[in-house]
Amino acid sequence: MKMRSLSSVALLAFAVLGALSTGCTSVKAYQRGKLAHPTMALDEPTGAAEAHVYGVHEGATGGAGGAGGGCGCN
């Protein structure tokens, strides 16, 4: 019983330490240009396959034209 509670405390401590060790920082406006990567630029999909991949990647469909923006509210 004592060993199980000790392992639970160790697991909880490890989870809290892991959550607190993630790095979050503020990026100043003049630093954003250095962080932007050219592959992140949005290009219009040229074919049906690219449009499908874009829709899957963005997690929404219907935003390429017409009514609706992919949120389901139409």
C-alpha atoms as a PDB file:
ATOM      1  CA  MET A   1       0.000   0.000   0.000  1.00  0.00           C
ATOM      2  CA  LYS A   2       2.784   2.409   0.925  1.00  0.00           C
ATOM      3  CA  MET A   3       4.727   1.608  -2.266  1.00  0.00           C
ATOM      4  CA  ARG A   4       1.670   2.258  -4.428  1.00  0.00           C
ATOM      5  CA  SER A   5       1.051   5.701  -2.917  1.00  0.00           C
ATOM      6  CA  LEU A   6       4.738   6.553  -3.323  1.00  0.00           C
ATOM      7  CA  SER A   7       4.623   5.654  -7.010  1.00  0.00           C
ATOM      8  CA  SER A   8       1.449   7.709  -7.438  1.00  0.00           C
ATOM      9  CA  VAL A   9       3.139  10.719  -5.865  1.00  0.00           C
ATOM     10  CA  ALA A  10       6.200  10.220  -8.064  1.00  0.00           C
ATOM     11  CA  LEU A  11       4.010   9.984 -11.169  1.00  0.00           C
ATOM     12  CA  LEU A  12       2.104  13.120 -10.196  1.00  0.00           C
ATOM     13  CA  ALA A  13       5.354  14.986  -9.518  1.00  0.00           C
ATOM     14  CA  PHE A  14       6.732  13.873 -12.883  1.00  0.00           C
ATOM     15  CA  ALA A  15       3.573  15.041 -14.668  1.00  0.00           C
ATOM     16  CA  VAL A  16       3.653  18.443 -12.950  1.00  0.00           C
ATOM     17  CA  LEU A  17       7.361  18.830 -13.703  1.00  0.00           C
ATOM     18  CA  GLY A  18       6.737  17.935 -17.334  1.00  0.00           C
ATOM     19  CA  ALA A  19       3.918  20.460 -17.626  1.00  0.00           C
ATOM     20  CA  LEU A  20       5.978  23.222 -16.044  1.00  0.00           C
ATOM     21  CA  SER A  21       9.052  22.554 -18.154  1.00  0.00           C
ATOM     22  CA  THR A  22       7.381  23.390 -21.470  1.00  0.00           C
ATOM     23  CA  GLY A  23       8.802  26.536 -22.966  1.00  0.00           C
ATOM     24  CA  CYS A  24       6.510  29.454 -23.639  1.00  0.00           C
ATOM     25  CA  THR A  25       7.781  32.866 -24.531  1.00  0.00           C
ATOM     26  CA  SER A  26       6.589  36.112 -26.033  1.00  0.00           C
ATOM     27  CA  VAL A  27       7.858  36.972 -29.492  1.00  0.00           C
ATOM     28  CA  LYS A  28       8.513  40.623 -30.202  1.00  0.00           C
ATOM     29  CA  ALA A  29       7.254  42.102 -33.469  1.00  0.00           C
ATOM     30  CA  TYR A  30      10.743  42.529 -34.930  1.00  0.00           C
ATOM     31  CA  GLN A  31      11.578  38.868 -34.205  1.00  0.00           C
ATOM     32  CA  ARG A  32       8.589  37.403 -36.042  1.00  0.00           C
ATOM     33  CA  GLY A  33      10.173  37.818 -39.472  1.00  0.00           C
ATOM     34  CA  LYS A  34      13.067  35.593 -38.453  1.00  0.00           C
ATOM     35  CA  LEU A  35      10.719  32.897 -37.161  1.00  0.00           C
ATOM     36  CA  ALA A  36       8.485  32.818 -40.243  1.00  0.00           C
ATOM     37  CA  HIS A  37       9.440  29.963 -42.543  1.00  0.00           C
ATOM     38  CA  PRO A  38       8.706  30.155 -46.292  1.00  0.00           C
ATOM     39  CA  THR A  39       6.976  26.763 -46.225  1.00  0.00           C
ATOM     40  CA  MET A  40       4.324  28.225 -43.931  1.00  0.00           C
ATOM     41  CA  ALA A  41       3.157  30.644 -46.658  1.00  0.00           C
ATOM     42  CA  LEU A  42      -0.358  29.936 -47.879  1.00  0.00           C
ATOM     43  CA  ASP A  43      -0.566  29.001 -51.556  1.00  0.00           C
ATOM     44  CA  GLU A  44      -3.840  28.389 -53.311  1.00  0.00           C
ATOM     45  CA  PRO A  45      -4.440  24.695 -54.025  1.00  0.00           C
ATOM     46  CA  THR A  46      -4.280  24.108 -57.783  1.00  0.00           C
ATOM     47  CA  GLY A  47      -5.951  20.719 -58.098  1.00  0.00           C
ATOM     48  CA  ALA A  48      -8.541  18.559 -56.430  1.00  0.00           C
ATOM     49  CA  ALA A  49      -5.915  16.537 -54.575  1.00  0.00           C
ATOM     50  CA  GLU A  50      -4.201  19.635 -53.190  1.00  0.00           C
ATOM     51  CA  ALA A  51      -7.573  21.084 -52.177  1.00  0.00           C
ATOM     52  CA  HIS A  52      -8.365  17.857 -50.330  1.00  0.00           C
ATOM     53  CA  VAL A  53      -5.000  17.877 -48.548  1.00  0.00           C
ATOM     54  CA  TYR A  54      -5.491  21.544 -47.642  1.00  0.00           C
ATOM     55  CA  GLY A  55      -8.945  20.805 -46.215  1.00  0.00           C
ATOM     56  CA  VAL A  56      -7.630  17.906 -44.157  1.00  0.00           C
ATOM     57  CA  HIS A  57      -4.641  19.941 -42.991  1.00  0.00           C
ATOM     58  CA  GLU A  58      -6.772  22.880 -41.886  1.00  0.00           C
ATOM     59  CA  GLY A  59      -9.412  20.657 -40.323  1.00  0.00           C
ATOM     60  CA  ALA A  60     -12.191  22.417 -42.193  1.00  0.00           C
ATOM     61  CA  THR A  61     -13.760  22.353 -45.618  1.00  0.00           C
ATOM     62  CA  GLY A  62     -15.912  24.808 -47.451  1.00  0.00           C
ATOM     63  CA  GLY A  63     -13.766  27.867 -46.817  1.00  0.00           C
ATOM     64  CA  ALA A  64     -12.315  28.012 -50.328  1.00  0.00           C
ATOM     65  CA  GLY A  65     -15.378  29.735 -51.803  1.00  0.00           C
ATOM     66  CA  GLY A  66     -19.098  30.161 -51.444  1.00  0.00           C
ATOM     67  CA  ALA A  67     -20.938  30.295 -48.172  1.00  0.00           C
ATOM     68  CA  GLY A  68     -19.500  28.954 -44.965  1.00  0.00           C
ATOM     69  CA  GLY A  69     -16.072  29.182 -43.455  1.00  0.00           C
ATOM     70  CA  GLY A  70     -15.602  25.652 -42.211  1.00  0.00           C
ATOM     71  CA  CYS A  71     -17.074  26.322 -38.791  1.00  0.00           C
ATOM     72  CA  GLY A  72     -20.384  24.640 -39.635  1.00  0.00           C
ATOM     73  CA  CYS A  73     -22.476  27.774 -39.144  1.00  0.00           C
ATOM     74  CA  ASN A  74     -23.099  28.446 -42.897  1.00  0.00           C
END
